Amino acid sequence: MREVMKVLRKMYGPNIPNATEIHVSKWSQNPFVRSSWTDPVVGTSWGHFDNMAGRLGNLFFAGESISSEWYGFVQGGYFTGRDKANEIASCIKGGECESYESATELI
């Protein structure tokens, strides 16, 4: 907590109160979790997000990392998961099932 409060006081000033609780996730030690988070760098474009959202045959990708609007947020994972589930359902039902084409314009 000391380390976290030191950083927070540099950001918000020395007069902020101590945190009442800190939760440290151990997801990296969980054998059922295989993930990371989005951290776009300078030069990342919307085309990069489109390419990450592409599919490989019957393998569809969802998650906050493919959401250009909500990357890094829980709702990005939720919305893309919902959209991909609808896309998969459409493919299974014989409806619209667009093939993936890589975004060539990455600017």
N, C-alpha and C. Protein backbone atom coordinates (compact mmCIF):
# COMPACT_ATOMS: atom_id res chain seq x y z
N MET A 1 0.84 -1.19 0.00
CA MET A 1 0.00 0.00 0.00
C MET A 1 0.88 1.25 0.00
N ARG A 2 2.03 1.19 0.68
CA ARG A 2 2.92 2.33 0.72
C ARG A 2 3.34 2.76 -0.69
N GLU A 3 3.71 1.76 -1.50
CA GLU A 3 4.16 2.05 -2.86
C GLU A 3 3.04 2.67 -3.70
N VAL A 4 1.85 2.13 -3.59
CA VAL A 4 0.71 2.65 -4.35
C VAL A 4 0.39 4.07 -3.92
N MET A 5 0.37 4.31 -2.61
CA MET A 5 0.05 5.64 -2.12
C MET A 5 1.11 6.66 -2.53
N LYS A 6 2.35 6.24 -2.60
CA LYS A 6 3.42 7.13 -3.04
C LYS A 6 3.16 7.61 -4.48
N VAL A 7 2.80 6.67 -5.35
CA VAL A 7 2.50 7.01 -6.74
C VAL A 7 1.27 7.90 -6.82
N LEU A 8 0.22 7.55 -6.08
CA LEU A 8 -1.01 8.35 -6.12
C LEU A 8 -0.78 9.76 -5.60
N ARG A 9 0.05 9.91 -4.59
CA ARG A 9 0.33 11.25 -4.06
C ARG A 9 1.15 12.09 -5.04
N LYS A 10 1.98 11.44 -5.84
CA LYS A 10 2.69 12.18 -6.89
C LYS A 10 1.70 12.69 -7.93
N MET A 11 0.66 11.88 -8.20
CA MET A 11 -0.32 12.24 -9.22
C MET A 11 -1.34 13.25 -8.71
N TYR A 12 -1.81 13.07 -7.47
CA TYR A 12 -2.95 13.86 -6.97
C TYR A 12 -2.62 14.79 -5.81
N GLY A 13 -1.37 14.82 -5.41
CA GLY A 13 -0.97 15.72 -4.33
C GLY A 13 -0.81 14.99 -3.00
N PRO A 14 -0.10 15.61 -2.08
CA PRO A 14 0.24 14.95 -0.83
C PRO A 14 -0.90 14.82 0.17
N ASN A 15 -2.00 15.50 -0.06
CA ASN A 15 -3.07 15.53 0.94
C ASN A 15 -4.16 14.49 0.74
N ILE A 16 -4.01 13.60 -0.23
CA ILE A 16 -5.06 12.59 -0.40
C ILE A 16 -4.97 11.56 0.73
N PRO A 17 -6.13 11.02 1.16
CA PRO A 17 -6.11 10.05 2.26
C PRO A 17 -5.57 8.70 1.81
N ASN A 18 -5.15 7.90 2.77
CA ASN A 18 -4.69 6.54 2.47
C ASN A 18 -5.85 5.72 1.93
N ALA A 19 -5.53 4.80 1.05
CA ALA A 19 -6.54 3.86 0.55
C ALA A 19 -7.04 3.02 1.73
N THR A 20 -8.31 2.66 1.70
CA THR A 20 -8.86 1.84 2.77
C THR A 20 -8.68 0.36 2.49
N GLU A 21 -8.46 0.04 1.20
CA GLU A 21 -8.30 -1.36 0.82
C GLU A 21 -7.62 -1.43 -0.54
N ILE A 22 -6.81 -2.44 -0.74
CA ILE A 22 -6.17 -2.67 -2.03
C ILE A 22 -6.35 -4.15 -2.38
N HIS A 23 -6.78 -4.40 -3.60
CA HIS A 23 -6.95 -5.77 -4.08
C HIS A 23 -5.87 -6.05 -5.13
N VAL A 24 -5.12 -7.10 -4.94
CA VAL A 24 -4.09 -7.49 -5.90
C VAL A 24 -4.58 -8.75 -6.61
N SER A 25 -4.79 -8.63 -7.90
CA SER A 25 -5.24 -9.76 -8.70
C SER A 25 -4.11 -10.77 -8.88
N LYS A 26 -4.46 -12.02 -8.87
CA LYS A 26 -3.47 -13.07 -9.11
C LYS A 26 -3.81 -13.83 -10.41
N TRP A 27 -4.40 -13.10 -11.38
CA TRP A 27 -4.83 -13.75 -12.61
C TRP A 27 -3.67 -14.40 -13.35
N SER A 28 -2.48 -13.85 -13.21
CA SER A 28 -1.34 -14.41 -13.92
C SER A 28 -0.94 -15.78 -13.37
N GLN A 29 -1.41 -16.10 -12.17
CA GLN A 29 -1.10 -17.39 -11.56
C GLN A 29 -2.26 -18.37 -11.69
N ASN A 30 -3.36 -17.93 -12.30
CA ASN A 30 -4.54 -18.78 -12.45
C ASN A 30 -4.40 -19.60 -13.74
N PRO A 31 -4.39 -20.95 -13.64
CA PRO A 31 -4.20 -21.77 -14.83
C PRO A 31 -5.37 -21.70 -15.82
N PHE A 32 -6.52 -21.14 -15.39
CA PHE A 32 -7.68 -21.04 -16.28
C PHE A 32 -7.77 -19.69 -16.98
N VAL A 33 -6.83 -18.81 -16.70
CA VAL A 33 -6.82 -17.48 -17.31
C VAL A 33 -5.62 -17.41 -18.25
N ARG A 34 -5.88 -17.09 -19.48
CA ARG A 34 -4.82 -16.95 -20.47
C ARG A 34 -5.09 -15.64 -21.22
N SER A 35 -4.63 -14.54 -20.66
CA SER A 35 -4.98 -13.28 -21.27
C SER A 35 -3.97 -12.20 -20.94
N SER A 36 -4.25 -11.02 -21.43
CA SER A 36 -3.45 -9.84 -21.15
C SER A 36 -4.37 -8.65 -21.31
N TRP A 37 -3.84 -7.48 -21.51
CA TRP A 37 -4.65 -6.29 -21.68
C TRP A 37 -4.14 -5.49 -22.85
N THR A 38 -4.96 -4.56 -23.29
CA THR A 38 -4.62 -3.74 -24.43
C THR A 38 -3.81 -2.53 -23.99
N ASP A 39 -2.78 -2.23 -24.73
CA ASP A 39 -1.97 -1.04 -24.47
C ASP A 39 -1.49 -0.50 -25.81
N PRO A 40 -2.39 0.16 -26.56
CA PRO A 40 -2.00 0.67 -27.87
C PRO A 40 -0.85 1.67 -27.75
N VAL A 41 0.03 1.63 -28.70
CA VAL A 41 1.18 2.52 -28.72
C VAL A 41 0.98 3.60 -29.78
N VAL A 42 1.81 4.61 -29.73
CA VAL A 42 1.77 5.66 -30.75
C VAL A 42 1.92 5.00 -32.11
N GLY A 43 1.03 5.32 -33.02
CA GLY A 43 1.08 4.74 -34.35
C GLY A 43 0.04 3.65 -34.56
N THR A 44 -0.63 3.22 -33.47
CA THR A 44 -1.70 2.24 -33.61
C THR A 44 -2.85 2.89 -34.37
N SER A 45 -3.42 2.17 -35.31
CA SER A 45 -4.50 2.73 -36.13
C SER A 45 -5.77 1.89 -35.99
N TRP A 46 -6.85 2.41 -36.52
CA TRP A 46 -8.12 1.66 -36.49
C TRP A 46 -8.00 0.38 -37.30
N GLY A 47 -7.17 0.38 -38.32
CA GLY A 47 -6.95 -0.83 -39.11
C GLY A 47 -6.35 -1.95 -38.28
N HIS A 48 -5.51 -1.60 -37.31
CA HIS A 48 -4.95 -2.62 -36.43
C HIS A 48 -6.05 -3.30 -35.62
N PHE A 49 -7.00 -2.51 -35.12
CA PHE A 49 -8.12 -3.09 -34.37
C PHE A 49 -8.96 -3.99 -35.27
N ASP A 50 -9.20 -3.53 -36.50
CA ASP A 50 -9.97 -4.34 -37.45
C ASP A 50 -9.27 -5.66 -37.72
N ASN A 51 -7.95 -5.64 -37.87
CA ASN A 51 -7.21 -6.87 -38.12
C ASN A 51 -7.26 -7.81 -36.92
N MET A 52 -7.17 -7.28 -35.71
CA MET A 52 -7.27 -8.14 -34.52
C MET A 52 -8.65 -8.76 -34.40
N ALA A 53 -9.66 -8.08 -34.93
CA ALA A 53 -11.02 -8.60 -34.84
C ALA A 53 -11.33 -9.60 -35.95
N GLY A 54 -10.42 -9.78 -36.88
CA GLY A 54 -10.64 -10.72 -37.98
C GLY A 54 -10.75 -12.14 -37.47
N ARG A 55 -11.15 -13.03 -38.34
CA ARG A 55 -11.28 -14.43 -37.93
C ARG A 55 -10.36 -15.31 -38.76
N LEU A 56 -10.06 -16.45 -38.22
CA LEU A 56 -9.27 -17.46 -38.92
C LEU A 56 -10.15 -18.68 -39.10
N GLY A 57 -10.72 -18.81 -40.28
CA GLY A 57 -11.66 -19.91 -40.51
C GLY A 57 -12.84 -19.83 -39.56
N ASN A 58 -12.97 -20.85 -38.70
CA ASN A 58 -14.06 -20.85 -37.73
C ASN A 58 -13.64 -20.33 -36.36
N LEU A 59 -12.47 -19.70 -36.28
CA LEU A 59 -11.99 -19.14 -35.02
C LEU A 59 -12.28 -17.64 -35.02
N PHE A 60 -13.16 -17.22 -34.12
CA PHE A 60 -13.58 -15.83 -34.01
C PHE A 60 -12.91 -15.20 -32.79
N PHE A 61 -12.59 -13.92 -32.86
CA PHE A 61 -11.93 -13.22 -31.77
C PHE A 61 -12.83 -12.13 -31.20
N ALA A 62 -12.89 -12.07 -29.88
CA ALA A 62 -13.62 -11.02 -29.19
C ALA A 62 -12.80 -10.60 -27.99
N GLY A 63 -13.15 -9.49 -27.41
CA GLY A 63 -12.47 -9.00 -26.22
C GLY A 63 -12.23 -7.51 -26.32
N GLU A 64 -11.87 -6.92 -25.20
CA GLU A 64 -11.69 -5.48 -25.20
C GLU A 64 -10.59 -5.04 -26.15
N SER A 65 -9.65 -5.92 -26.44
CA SER A 65 -8.52 -5.54 -27.30
C SER A 65 -8.91 -5.32 -28.75
N ILE A 66 -10.08 -5.80 -29.17
CA ILE A 66 -10.49 -5.59 -30.57
C ILE A 66 -11.50 -4.46 -30.70
N SER A 67 -11.84 -3.84 -29.59
CA SER A 67 -12.81 -2.75 -29.62
C SER A 67 -12.09 -1.43 -29.79
N SER A 68 -12.29 -0.76 -30.92
CA SER A 68 -11.64 0.53 -31.13
C SER A 68 -12.27 1.61 -30.27
N GLU A 69 -13.50 1.39 -29.85
CA GLU A 69 -14.20 2.38 -29.03
C GLU A 69 -13.96 2.16 -27.53
N TRP A 70 -13.90 0.89 -27.11
CA TRP A 70 -13.83 0.58 -25.67
C TRP A 70 -12.62 -0.27 -25.32
N TYR A 71 -11.50 -0.15 -26.04
CA TYR A 71 -10.34 -0.97 -25.70
C TYR A 71 -9.88 -0.63 -24.28
N GLY A 72 -9.53 -1.68 -23.54
CA GLY A 72 -9.07 -1.49 -22.17
C GLY A 72 -10.18 -1.45 -21.14
N PHE A 73 -11.44 -1.57 -21.57
CA PHE A 73 -12.57 -1.49 -20.65
C PHE A 73 -13.41 -2.76 -20.72
N VAL A 74 -14.03 -3.11 -19.60
CA VAL A 74 -14.87 -4.32 -19.52
C VAL A 74 -15.95 -4.29 -20.59
N GLN A 75 -16.58 -3.14 -20.80
CA GLN A 75 -17.66 -3.09 -21.77
C GLN A 75 -17.18 -3.41 -23.18
N GLY A 76 -15.91 -3.16 -23.48
CA GLY A 76 -15.36 -3.54 -24.78
C GLY A 76 -15.39 -5.04 -24.95
N GLY A 77 -15.03 -5.79 -23.91
CA GLY A 77 -15.11 -7.24 -23.95
C GLY A 77 -16.54 -7.72 -24.08
N TYR A 78 -17.43 -7.10 -23.32
CA TYR A 78 -18.84 -7.49 -23.36
C TYR A 78 -19.45 -7.24 -24.74
N PHE A 79 -19.27 -6.02 -25.26
CA PHE A 79 -19.88 -5.67 -26.55
C PHE A 79 -19.32 -6.51 -27.69
N THR A 80 -18.00 -6.71 -27.74
CA THR A 80 -17.44 -7.50 -28.82
C THR A 80 -17.82 -8.97 -28.68
N GLY A 81 -17.91 -9.46 -27.44
CA GLY A 81 -18.35 -10.84 -27.22
C GLY A 81 -19.77 -11.05 -27.71
N ARG A 82 -20.64 -10.09 -27.39
CA ARG A 82 -22.03 -10.15 -27.83
C ARG A 82 -22.12 -10.11 -29.36
N ASP A 83 -21.36 -9.20 -29.96
CA ASP A 83 -21.40 -9.07 -31.42
C ASP A 83 -20.87 -10.33 -32.11
N LYS A 84 -19.77 -10.90 -31.60
CA LYS A 84 -19.22 -12.12 -32.19
C LYS A 84 -20.17 -13.29 -31.99
N ALA A 85 -20.83 -13.37 -30.84
CA ALA A 85 -21.80 -14.45 -30.62
C ALA A 85 -22.93 -14.36 -31.64
N ASN A 86 -23.41 -13.15 -31.92
CA ASN A 86 -24.45 -12.97 -32.93
C ASN A 86 -23.94 -13.34 -34.32
N GLU A 87 -22.69 -12.99 -34.61
CA GLU A 87 -22.10 -13.33 -35.90
C GLU A 87 -21.98 -14.85 -36.06
N ILE A 88 -21.53 -15.53 -35.02
CA ILE A 88 -21.40 -16.99 -35.04
C ILE A 88 -22.77 -17.63 -35.21
N ALA A 89 -23.77 -17.13 -34.48
CA ALA A 89 -25.13 -17.67 -34.59
C ALA A 89 -25.65 -17.51 -36.02
N SER A 90 -25.38 -16.38 -36.63
CA SER A 90 -25.80 -16.15 -38.01
C SER A 90 -25.13 -17.15 -38.95
N CYS A 91 -23.84 -17.39 -38.75
CA CYS A 91 -23.12 -18.35 -39.59
C CYS A 91 -23.71 -19.75 -39.44
N ILE A 92 -23.99 -20.13 -38.21
CA ILE A 92 -24.52 -21.47 -37.94
C ILE A 92 -25.89 -21.65 -38.57
N LYS A 93 -26.69 -20.59 -38.52
CA LYS A 93 -28.06 -20.66 -39.06
C LYS A 93 -28.11 -20.51 -40.57
N GLY A 94 -26.93 -20.35 -41.19
CA GLY A 94 -26.89 -20.21 -42.65
C GLY A 94 -27.16 -18.81 -43.12
N GLY A 95 -27.16 -17.85 -42.20
CA GLY A 95 -27.39 -16.45 -42.57
C GLY A 95 -26.11 -15.79 -43.02
N GLU A 96 -26.08 -14.50 -42.85
CA GLU A 96 -24.91 -13.73 -43.26
C GLU A 96 -23.68 -14.17 -42.46
N CYS A 97 -22.62 -14.49 -43.21
CA CYS A 97 -21.38 -14.94 -42.58
C CYS A 97 -20.23 -14.43 -43.43
N GLU A 98 -19.88 -13.17 -43.21
CA GLU A 98 -18.87 -12.53 -44.04
C GLU A 98 -17.50 -13.14 -43.79
N SER A 99 -16.74 -13.30 -44.85
CA SER A 99 -15.38 -13.76 -44.70
C SER A 99 -14.51 -12.57 -44.27
N TYR A 100 -13.41 -12.85 -43.66
CA TYR A 100 -12.53 -11.80 -43.16
C TYR A 100 -11.53 -11.40 -44.21
N GLU A 101 -11.34 -10.09 -44.36
CA GLU A 101 -10.29 -9.58 -45.24
C GLU A 101 -9.48 -8.57 -44.44
N SER A 102 -8.18 -8.74 -44.47
CA SER A 102 -7.27 -7.88 -43.71
C SER A 102 -7.42 -6.43 -44.12
N ALA A 103 -7.42 -5.55 -43.13
CA ALA A 103 -7.43 -4.11 -43.39
C ALA A 103 -6.07 -3.72 -43.93
N THR A 104 -6.05 -3.19 -45.11
CA THR A 104 -4.76 -2.80 -45.69
C THR A 104 -4.42 -1.36 -45.34
N GLU A 105 -5.44 -0.57 -45.06
CA GLU A 105 -5.22 0.82 -44.69
C GLU A 105 -5.07 0.88 -43.17
N LEU A 106 -3.84 1.07 -42.70
CA LEU A 106 -3.58 1.06 -41.27
C LEU A 106 -3.36 2.47 -40.70
N ILE A 107 -3.77 3.48 -41.44
CA ILE A 107 -3.58 4.86 -40.97
C ILE A 107 -4.84 5.34 -40.33
